[in-house]
Structures are given as C-alpha cells and as structure tokens.
Amino acid sequence: MSTATSPLESPPAITFNPALDKLPFSPIRLMFNTAAQMTDVLHLSIGQPDFGAPPHVIEAHIKALRDGRTRYELDAGLPALREAVANRYNELYGISLKPSNVLITTGCCQAMYMTIHALVRPGMEVIVIEPVFVFSHVIEQAGGILRRIVTTAANGYQVDPAEVIAAMNERTCAIMINSPGNPTGAVYPAETIQPILREAEQRGIAVISDEVYDRLILDDVEYASALRHAPSLDGVVVTSSASKTYAVPGFRVGWLISSEANISRLQRLHMFVSTTENTATQHATVAALAGDQSCVTEMVNAYRARRDWIAGYLKGSPHFQAYSPGGAFFIMPSLPACRDSFDFAMRMLKEARVCTIPGGAFGQSCNNALRISFATDMATIQAAFQRMTQWLEKQSS
C-alpha cells in the first residue's frame, strides 16, 4: 500500500514518542488538500451530510448562547443530554439504558480514541474487519496488533461471523465492528452480530461497536445494534454522535455507551482528554434527540435515491464491481485487478477533476477500490460519474 506523506512535513526539531509514527498522514486529507488547489472539482469524497442542520436544532443552539450557556458543564456531559441519549436508544431498540450508561464526548472520534487507548494493551491483538476506517492506525499507535478479517465488494463487504470467532485467541483484547460501515456502507444483520457478541463475552473480549451511521439505514430492515443484541453491556462499548444523524458534524458532540462500571472507568480518562464538551452544542443536541425526527427521514430518503442511482449505474459498468450498500452514504466498488488505488484516484482527480478516496486508505486488501460518497446532490453525482466514465474509457482504449 502506498504511504501518503504531508507536503508540509519537515524533520522534527524535538524528539517525539516513536508511537506517533504509527499515525500516517491521512490519504483522505491528501486528496482534499490536493483538490483544494484545483478548480472545477466534483467531490464524491466528503464524509459529511450535505444537508443543513434542522431549524429547531439551530434555534436551540442560539437560545443556549443567549441564555449564557457558555460555562463548563459536568465532565460526564450535560445531564439532560445523557438522559436524551439514553431515551432515544430506549425508544429505538426497546432497551433500558440509564443516563449513567452514557458518557458525552467531543464527537465519535474522541469516543473511539479513548476507548481504544483504554482497552488496547501492547502486544495484544484487536480483530478488525477490512476495509476498516483509519482508527486502525490508533490501535497500532496504542501498541496493539491488528488481526484483519478481509471482506470484498463481491459479497457486499459482509463478514462471516465464524471467521471472526475463529480469529479470537488468548491474545485478543478487543474486536472492532462498524455497521453501517465507513467506507463500505455495509450493514451487518443480527445473524452476524449476535454470535460475535456472544462468543466475545464468553471469552472476556471487549467489543467496540462504532454505530455513528445507525440511523442512516437505506433498506427496510431492522438495524442490529450491539445495544440490542449484546448479552450485557459489560463487554461492549458503543460509540456514536449527532454528526451524521442530524447533519451537525461541526457541533463535535458524540457519546459512548456501556455499563455503568465501564463508563465510570472511561470517565477518568475523559477528564484528561477534553474535561468537558461544548456546552451550547450539548443543549442543541438535546433538542435534536428529543425533537421532531422527520429531518432524519428526509435525509435517509434522499440518500436511498442516490444509492439506488449509483448502484444501478455501476451495475452496468465494466469498470467496477458493483453492490448495493445498506446504510450510511458510502459505496466502495472495486476496480479491475492490479490497480493501485492511490495512483488511480490521484490521476482521476487531476485529469478528470473528480475527487474520490483511494480504497488503500482502508487496508491493503482493498487497494484496488475507491470510496465514493453520495453525501452530495444528485446533479453533482451524475455529472461526476459522467466524467469518470469518459476518463475510464480513455484508460482502457
């Protein structure tokens, strides 16, 4: 896999912890930065909703500021927000979370980072399902060893739970699951989630379930959350945020959910990472969770229409391995064999002015794929695919 480096990097003037070398410069940022220096670029790369935040959420944010909600809040999070998070999941899944099962964080990224560093011990293994989001590098930075389970576009990036269970051993300290997935949009059914959760609990292996796209389910199926299917919360940490569900990624409000004992332990680490989160945006997120949810339905309907158009288009293309992602707003079709995604994506950006993300950013096994985001309007999507098709035909002629 190609290694992306920052054009701004220079020899450090001070000596850093060598563990930082496990965190490469993000290929995603490299694509963005290159595109930012160009004109007439069509983006199929952005991993954030193209919708505006719901008006009632914006008004709640403004009101919080006007009411002077600018001071520190409790370190575990605004009590009303912890309650709102618990209530929302209880309503969705028919479970019985309490506010004490919730810890508020600065986005899902902080929740993931904290959880990984709290669970991963040097020399221990973490099972990840590839393609895997870039937090796999954080596992290595924490001293963990990646045990990769490879999935492919040919089967919609679904994973065989028996393969995950077979990978568990006495050195396994955690399993990382992401459904719906970034970069693939794959949604795992209960038949996949349940046996993994059961076996992990029996062996004392923690499961980190990244469910940040849990409300963006594009098919008429029941979402299999770890909160619904885990034997208990003792061995599970679920991470999520308001960012994707309510189109407020700039709020930087997320959370993690686990047993009360686990939350208490993680709260200690949280105090030294961010102390507390943005107070006004926490109040606004209460309004998002407790208010009208039609905004979510509207976004999901739009994403579904875009997904259906792209999946149909790719199905008739000789250039990609097509499938239909079940959630989020990503699709990751594979390219013809022996393509290097880093070179391919950069050349397509510079020559066709279409920005995608190289699949190799998410693992060596998917270096012949591209992550395509459909978190943009249909006109941009159709124009981008027209450019891509014309460019691809030139490459094969």
Protein backbone atom coordinates (compact mmCIF):
# COMPACT_ATOMS: atom_id res chain seq x y z
CA MET A 1 0.00 0.00 0.00
CA SER A 2 1.29 3.45 -0.85
CA THR A 3 2.12 5.71 2.07
CA ALA A 4 0.81 9.26 1.92
CA THR A 5 3.00 11.97 3.36
CA SER A 6 2.22 15.57 4.06
CA PRO A 7 3.86 18.10 1.74
CA LEU A 8 4.37 20.24 4.84
CA GLU A 9 6.39 17.67 6.77
CA SER A 10 9.96 18.53 7.75
CA PRO A 11 12.46 16.96 10.14
CA PRO A 12 11.22 17.46 13.73
CA ALA A 13 13.14 19.84 15.95
CA ILE A 14 12.34 17.79 19.03
CA THR A 15 12.17 14.07 19.78
CA PHE A 16 8.67 12.63 19.74
CA ASN A 17 7.38 9.30 21.01
CA PRO A 18 8.09 6.77 18.23
CA ALA A 19 4.49 5.56 18.59
CA LEU A 20 3.42 8.67 16.67
CA ASP A 21 4.98 7.14 13.58
CA LYS A 22 2.11 4.64 13.59
CA LEU A 23 -0.18 7.53 12.61
CA PRO A 24 0.44 8.26 8.91
CA PHE A 25 -0.65 11.43 7.19
CA SER A 26 -4.22 10.70 6.12
CA PRO A 27 -4.67 9.83 2.42
CA ILE A 28 -8.15 11.33 2.78
CA ARG A 29 -6.69 14.68 3.77
CA LEU A 30 -4.11 14.40 0.97
CA MET A 31 -6.91 14.10 -1.59
CA PHE A 32 -8.80 17.02 -0.04
CA ASN A 33 -5.69 19.19 0.12
CA THR A 34 -4.80 18.48 -3.50
CA ALA A 35 -8.35 19.17 -4.67
CA ALA A 36 -8.39 22.45 -2.73
CA GLN A 37 -5.63 23.77 -5.00
CA MET A 38 -7.65 22.98 -8.13
CA THR A 39 -10.74 24.40 -9.82
CA ASP A 40 -13.87 22.71 -11.17
CA VAL A 41 -13.53 19.64 -8.94
CA LEU A 42 -16.60 17.46 -8.33
CA HIS A 43 -16.42 15.85 -4.90
CA LEU A 44 -17.54 12.28 -4.24
CA SER A 45 -15.28 12.30 -1.23
CA ILE A 46 -16.88 14.25 1.60
CA GLY A 47 -17.87 12.14 4.60
CA GLN A 48 -20.45 14.53 5.98
CA PRO A 49 -24.11 15.27 5.19
CA ASP A 50 -24.75 17.89 2.52
CA PHE A 51 -27.95 18.92 4.31
CA GLY A 52 -28.32 21.88 6.62
CA ALA A 53 -28.93 21.35 10.32
CA PRO A 54 -32.64 21.18 11.29
CA PRO A 55 -34.03 24.66 12.12
CA HIS A 56 -35.19 23.66 15.61
CA VAL A 57 -31.67 22.50 16.43
CA ILE A 58 -30.15 25.76 15.23
CA GLU A 59 -32.67 27.73 17.28
CA ALA A 60 -31.84 25.67 20.37
CA HIS A 61 -28.17 26.42 19.84
CA ILE A 62 -28.80 30.16 19.53
CA LYS A 63 -31.04 30.13 22.59
CA ALA A 64 -28.40 28.33 24.63
CA LEU A 65 -25.85 31.01 23.75
CA ARG A 66 -28.27 33.83 24.51
CA ASP A 67 -29.14 32.19 27.82
CA GLY A 68 -25.48 32.25 28.78
CA ARG A 69 -24.85 28.50 28.39
CA THR A 70 -21.13 29.12 27.88
CA ARG A 71 -19.64 27.77 31.11
CA TYR A 72 -18.20 24.37 31.94
CA GLU A 73 -20.68 21.52 32.23
CA LEU A 74 -20.29 18.32 34.25
CA ASP A 75 -17.39 16.25 32.96
CA ALA A 76 -19.55 13.26 32.02
CA GLY A 77 -21.80 15.52 29.99
CA LEU A 78 -24.85 17.72 30.34
CA PRO A 79 -27.28 15.66 32.46
CA ALA A 80 -30.16 16.47 30.12
CA LEU A 81 -28.11 15.24 27.16
CA ARG A 82 -27.10 11.98 28.82
CA GLU A 83 -30.79 11.42 29.53
CA ALA A 84 -31.80 12.35 25.97
CA VAL A 85 -29.27 9.90 24.51
CA ALA A 86 -30.50 7.10 26.77
CA ASN A 87 -34.14 7.88 25.97
CA ARG A 88 -33.54 7.93 22.21
CA TYR A 89 -31.92 4.48 22.20
CA ASN A 90 -34.53 3.09 24.57
CA GLU A 91 -37.24 4.23 22.19
CA LEU A 92 -35.42 2.88 19.13
CA TYR A 93 -34.48 -0.53 20.50
CA GLY A 94 -36.82 -1.25 23.40
CA ILE A 95 -33.97 -1.39 25.92
CA SER A 96 -33.46 0.15 29.35
CA LEU A 97 -30.45 2.47 29.31
CA LYS A 98 -29.96 4.97 32.10
CA PRO A 99 -28.16 8.31 31.83
CA SER A 100 -25.32 6.71 33.79
CA ASN A 101 -24.75 4.36 30.81
CA VAL A 102 -23.79 7.38 28.67
CA LEU A 103 -20.59 9.45 28.52
CA ILE A 104 -20.61 12.57 26.32
CA THR A 105 -17.52 13.15 24.17
CA THR A 106 -16.18 15.56 21.56
CA GLY A 107 -17.57 13.65 18.61
CA CYS A 108 -17.44 9.94 17.87
CA CYS A 109 -13.73 10.21 17.09
CA GLN A 110 -12.85 11.08 20.68
CA ALA A 111 -15.10 8.28 21.91
CA MET A 112 -13.25 5.81 19.66
CA TYR A 113 -9.81 7.15 20.53
CA MET A 114 -10.47 6.98 24.27
CA THR A 115 -11.98 3.52 24.08
CA ILE A 116 -9.09 2.12 22.05
CA HIS A 117 -6.47 3.54 24.40
CA ALA A 118 -8.40 2.31 27.44
CA LEU A 119 -8.77 -1.24 26.12
CA VAL A 120 -5.73 -2.00 23.96
CA ARG A 121 -2.65 -3.35 25.69
CA PRO A 122 0.76 -3.51 23.99
CA GLY A 123 1.32 -6.80 22.21
CA MET A 124 -2.36 -7.78 22.33
CA GLU A 125 -4.47 -8.33 19.22
CA VAL A 126 -7.51 -6.41 18.03
CA ILE A 127 -9.71 -8.00 15.39
CA VAL A 128 -10.75 -5.54 12.68
CA ILE A 129 -12.90 -6.12 9.63
CA GLU A 130 -11.27 -4.76 6.49
CA PRO A 131 -11.96 -2.37 4.82
CA VAL A 132 -11.53 -0.59 8.15
CA PHE A 133 -11.72 3.10 8.97
CA VAL A 134 -8.45 4.85 9.75
CA PHE A 135 -8.78 4.28 13.51
CA SER A 136 -6.93 1.03 12.89
CA HIS A 137 -3.80 3.18 13.00
CA VAL A 138 -4.72 4.31 16.52
CA ILE A 139 -4.81 0.66 17.58
CA GLU A 140 -1.24 0.25 16.35
CA GLN A 141 -0.21 3.54 17.96
CA ALA A 142 -1.56 2.18 21.26
CA GLY A 143 0.67 -0.88 20.87
CA GLY A 144 -1.98 -3.28 19.60
CA ILE A 145 -1.56 -5.80 16.79
CA LEU A 146 -4.18 -5.83 14.03
CA ARG A 147 -5.83 -9.14 13.19
CA ARG A 148 -7.52 -8.41 9.88
CA ILE A 149 -10.62 -10.16 8.55
CA VAL A 150 -10.90 -9.31 4.85
CA THR A 151 -14.23 -8.66 3.10
CA THR A 152 -14.79 -7.76 -0.54
CA ALA A 153 -17.17 -5.89 -2.84
CA ALA A 154 -18.11 -9.20 -4.46
CA ASN A 155 -20.21 -10.09 -1.41
CA GLY A 156 -21.18 -6.55 -0.43
CA TYR A 157 -18.44 -6.45 2.23
CA GLN A 158 -20.40 -8.76 4.51
CA VAL A 159 -18.38 -10.66 7.09
CA ASP A 160 -18.75 -14.31 8.11
CA PRO A 161 -19.13 -14.37 11.92
CA ALA A 162 -17.48 -17.80 12.00
CA GLU A 163 -14.34 -16.22 10.58
CA VAL A 164 -14.33 -13.57 13.30
CA ILE A 165 -14.85 -16.17 16.00
CA ALA A 166 -12.07 -18.35 14.56
CA ALA A 167 -9.70 -15.36 14.81
CA MET A 168 -10.30 -14.99 18.57
CA ASN A 169 -7.48 -16.30 20.75
CA GLU A 170 -5.84 -15.78 24.13
CA ARG A 171 -4.09 -12.64 22.82
CA THR A 172 -7.31 -10.99 21.61
CA CYS A 173 -8.25 -8.00 23.76
CA ALA A 174 -10.90 -6.39 21.53
CA ILE A 175 -12.96 -6.63 18.37
CA MET A 176 -13.87 -3.53 16.38
CA ILE A 177 -17.16 -3.53 14.47
CA ASN A 178 -18.53 -0.74 12.27
CA SER A 179 -22.06 -1.11 10.92
CA PRO A 180 -23.18 0.67 8.81
CA GLY A 181 -19.61 0.81 7.67
CA ASN A 182 -17.29 3.56 6.60
CA PRO A 183 -16.03 3.17 3.85
CA THR A 184 -18.38 0.47 2.54
CA GLY A 185 -21.91 1.26 3.74
CA ALA A 186 -22.26 -2.43 4.67
CA VAL A 187 -24.90 -3.18 7.31
CA TYR A 188 -24.46 -6.39 9.32
CA PRO A 189 -27.61 -8.38 10.11
CA ALA A 190 -28.40 -9.81 13.55
CA GLU A 191 -27.22 -13.21 12.30
CA THR A 192 -23.73 -11.70 12.05
CA ILE A 193 -23.72 -9.53 15.16
CA GLN A 194 -25.25 -11.93 17.70
CA PRO A 195 -22.75 -14.83 17.54
CA ILE A 196 -19.78 -12.44 17.64
CA LEU A 197 -21.14 -10.65 20.71
CA ARG A 198 -21.98 -13.92 22.49
CA GLU A 199 -18.61 -15.52 21.86
CA ALA A 200 -16.71 -12.37 22.77
CA GLU A 201 -18.49 -12.08 26.12
CA GLN A 202 -17.84 -15.73 26.94
CA ARG A 203 -14.13 -15.20 26.30
CA GLY A 204 -13.89 -11.84 28.07
CA ILE A 205 -13.08 -9.96 24.85
CA ALA A 206 -14.30 -6.37 24.54
CA VAL A 207 -16.37 -5.35 21.51
CA ILE A 208 -16.09 -1.76 20.25
CA SER A 209 -19.14 -1.09 18.08
CA ASP A 210 -18.94 2.09 16.01
CA GLU A 211 -22.59 2.90 15.25
CA VAL A 212 -22.28 6.50 14.12
CA TYR A 213 -24.37 5.78 10.98
CA ASP A 214 -27.01 3.77 12.82
CA ARG A 215 -29.92 5.99 11.79
CA LEU A 216 -28.94 6.04 8.11
CA ILE A 217 -30.37 2.63 7.16
CA LEU A 218 -31.35 2.61 3.48
CA ASP A 219 -33.26 -0.68 3.25
CA ASP A 220 -36.40 -1.83 5.04
CA VAL A 221 -34.56 -3.91 7.64
CA GLU A 222 -34.28 -3.86 11.41
CA TYR A 223 -30.92 -2.44 12.41
CA ALA A 224 -28.88 -4.87 14.52
CA SER A 225 -27.33 -2.63 17.16
CA ALA A 226 -24.95 -4.13 19.70
CA LEU A 227 -27.13 -2.39 22.29
CA ARG A 228 -29.99 -4.66 21.31
CA HIS A 229 -28.08 -7.90 20.83
CA ALA A 230 -25.22 -7.95 23.35
CA PRO A 231 -25.77 -10.36 26.26
CA SER A 232 -24.89 -7.44 28.55
CA LEU A 233 -23.21 -4.04 28.38
CA ASP A 234 -20.27 -5.26 30.47
CA GLY A 235 -18.17 -6.26 27.46
CA VAL A 236 -19.43 -3.73 24.91
CA VAL A 237 -18.67 -0.08 24.19
CA VAL A 238 -20.92 1.55 21.58
CA THR A 239 -19.79 4.86 20.07
CA SER A 240 -21.86 7.35 18.08
CA SER A 241 -22.64 11.04 17.67
CA ALA A 242 -25.13 13.60 16.45
CA SER A 243 -22.97 14.46 13.43
CA LYS A 244 -24.36 12.21 10.70
CA THR A 245 -27.90 11.77 12.01
CA TYR A 246 -28.70 15.48 12.33
CA ALA A 247 -26.20 16.98 9.86
CA VAL A 248 -24.20 18.76 12.58
CA PRO A 249 -20.63 17.42 12.23
CA GLY A 250 -19.28 20.79 13.31
CA PHE A 251 -21.02 20.50 16.68
CA ARG A 252 -18.49 17.86 17.71
CA VAL A 253 -20.89 16.16 20.10
CA GLY A 254 -20.66 12.40 20.46
CA TRP A 255 -21.04 9.74 23.11
CA LEU A 256 -20.15 6.27 24.19
CA ILE A 257 -22.47 3.80 25.86
CA SER A 258 -21.54 0.90 28.10
CA SER A 259 -22.18 -0.50 31.57
CA GLU A 260 -22.14 1.95 34.48
CA ALA A 261 -18.89 0.47 35.75
CA ASN A 262 -17.22 0.87 32.34
CA ILE A 263 -18.49 4.43 31.99
CA SER A 264 -17.05 5.26 35.39
CA ARG A 265 -13.62 3.96 34.34
CA LEU A 266 -13.71 5.75 30.98
CA GLN A 267 -14.84 8.96 32.67
CA ARG A 268 -11.46 9.14 34.41
CA LEU A 269 -9.66 9.18 31.05
CA HIS A 270 -12.17 11.64 29.64
CA MET A 271 -11.29 14.19 32.34
CA PHE A 272 -7.74 14.32 31.00
CA VAL A 273 -8.67 14.41 27.31
CA SER A 274 -11.30 17.13 26.97
CA THR A 275 -12.54 17.78 30.54
CA THR A 276 -15.97 18.71 29.21
CA GLU A 277 -17.68 19.31 25.87
CA ASN A 278 -19.08 22.43 24.22
CA THR A 279 -21.94 23.46 26.49
CA ALA A 280 -24.16 25.28 23.97
CA THR A 281 -23.95 22.47 21.41
CA GLN A 282 -24.85 19.94 24.08
CA HIS A 283 -28.07 21.87 24.71
CA ALA A 284 -28.74 21.96 20.97
CA THR A 285 -28.15 18.20 20.72
CA VAL A 286 -30.81 17.64 23.38
CA ALA A 287 -33.23 19.41 21.02
CA ALA A 288 -32.05 17.21 18.13
CA LEU A 289 -32.57 13.95 20.01
CA ALA A 290 -35.82 14.88 21.74
CA GLY A 291 -37.41 16.86 18.91
CA ASP A 292 -39.00 16.19 15.55
CA GLN A 293 -37.21 13.32 13.76
CA SER A 294 -38.65 13.97 10.29
CA CYS A 295 -35.34 15.58 9.31
CA VAL A 296 -33.70 12.16 9.63
CA THR A 297 -36.34 10.52 7.47
CA GLU A 298 -35.90 13.17 4.77
CA MET A 299 -32.14 12.64 4.65
CA VAL A 300 -32.46 8.87 4.54
CA ASN A 301 -34.94 9.09 1.65
CA ALA A 302 -32.52 11.30 -0.30
CA TYR A 303 -29.56 9.01 0.40
CA ARG A 304 -31.60 6.00 -0.68
CA ALA A 305 -32.47 7.59 -4.03
CA ARG A 306 -28.81 8.48 -4.60
CA ARG A 307 -27.67 5.00 -3.57
CA ASP A 308 -30.14 3.38 -5.94
CA TRP A 309 -29.00 5.54 -8.87
CA ILE A 310 -25.30 4.85 -8.24
CA ALA A 311 -25.78 1.11 -7.66
CA GLY A 312 -27.80 0.88 -10.87
CA TYR A 313 -25.21 2.84 -12.80
CA LEU A 314 -22.31 0.74 -11.53
CA LYS A 315 -24.16 -2.49 -12.25
CA GLY A 316 -23.98 -1.70 -15.94
CA SER A 317 -20.37 -0.53 -15.87
CA PRO A 318 -17.49 -2.77 -16.96
CA HIS A 319 -15.11 -0.70 -14.83
CA PHE A 320 -16.36 -1.52 -11.32
CA GLN A 321 -17.51 -4.42 -9.12
CA ALA A 322 -20.97 -3.24 -8.11
CA TYR A 323 -23.04 -3.91 -4.97
CA SER A 324 -25.74 -2.07 -3.05
CA PRO A 325 -24.69 -0.64 0.35
CA GLY A 326 -27.35 -0.94 3.04
CA GLY A 327 -26.53 2.18 5.03
CA ALA A 328 -24.55 5.40 5.52
CA PHE A 329 -23.70 7.37 2.36
CA PHE A 330 -20.71 5.46 1.03
CA ILE A 331 -20.14 2.86 -1.64
CA MET A 332 -16.77 1.24 -2.34
CA PRO A 333 -16.72 -0.50 -5.72
CA SER A 334 -13.58 -2.39 -6.69
CA LEU A 335 -11.59 -1.62 -9.80
CA PRO A 336 -10.11 -4.02 -12.32
CA ALA A 337 -7.33 -6.16 -10.87
CA CYS A 338 -3.83 -4.78 -10.31
CA ARG A 339 -4.93 -1.17 -9.97
CA ASP A 340 -3.20 0.90 -7.30
CA SER A 341 -5.98 3.00 -5.79
CA PHE A 342 -3.68 5.80 -4.62
CA ASP A 343 -2.25 6.41 -8.08
CA PHE A 344 -5.62 5.78 -9.75
CA ALA A 345 -7.57 8.22 -7.52
CA MET A 346 -4.94 10.96 -7.80
CA ARG A 347 -4.74 10.68 -11.59
CA MET A 348 -8.52 10.76 -11.88
CA LEU A 349 -8.61 13.85 -9.67
CA LYS A 350 -6.00 15.69 -11.72
CA GLU A 351 -7.21 14.59 -15.15
CA ALA A 352 -11.00 14.22 -14.73
CA ARG A 353 -11.49 16.65 -11.83
CA VAL A 354 -13.41 14.06 -9.76
CA CYS A 355 -12.30 13.57 -6.16
CA THR A 356 -12.76 10.15 -4.55
CA ILE A 357 -10.85 8.38 -1.77
CA PRO A 358 -8.40 5.55 -2.55
CA GLY A 359 -9.52 2.24 -1.12
CA GLY A 360 -5.99 1.50 0.04
CA ALA A 361 -6.53 4.08 2.79
CA PHE A 362 -8.70 1.44 4.46
CA GLY A 363 -6.41 -1.57 4.11
CA GLN A 364 -4.04 -3.35 1.77
CA SER A 365 -6.72 -5.81 0.66
CA CYS A 366 -8.84 -3.01 -0.83
CA ASN A 367 -6.10 -1.17 -2.69
CA ASN A 368 -7.98 -1.86 -5.93
CA ALA A 369 -11.11 0.04 -4.83
CA LEU A 370 -12.41 3.59 -4.41
CA ARG A 371 -14.57 5.05 -1.65
CA ILE A 372 -17.33 7.12 -3.21
CA SER A 373 -19.51 9.35 -1.06
CA PHE A 374 -23.04 10.20 -2.13
CA ALA A 375 -23.43 12.90 0.51
CA THR A 376 -23.91 15.42 -2.28
CA ASP A 377 -26.74 16.37 -4.61
CA MET A 378 -27.88 14.15 -7.46
CA ALA A 379 -26.79 16.61 -10.16
CA THR A 380 -23.21 16.56 -8.86
CA ILE A 381 -23.28 12.77 -8.60
CA GLN A 382 -24.49 12.32 -12.18
CA ALA A 383 -22.01 14.84 -13.58
CA ALA A 384 -19.15 13.22 -11.66
CA PHE A 385 -20.00 9.75 -12.94
CA GLN A 386 -20.19 11.07 -16.49
CA ARG A 387 -16.68 12.48 -16.13
CA MET A 388 -15.44 9.27 -14.52
CA THR A 389 -16.88 7.11 -17.29
CA GLN A 390 -15.35 9.20 -20.05
CA TRP A 391 -11.98 9.16 -18.30
CA LEU A 392 -12.13 5.40 -17.64
CA GLU A 393 -12.94 4.68 -21.27
CA LYS A 394 -9.80 6.57 -22.29
CA GLN A 395 -7.72 4.50 -19.86
CA SER A 396 -8.94 1.22 -21.35
CA SER A 397 -8.73 2.25 -25.01
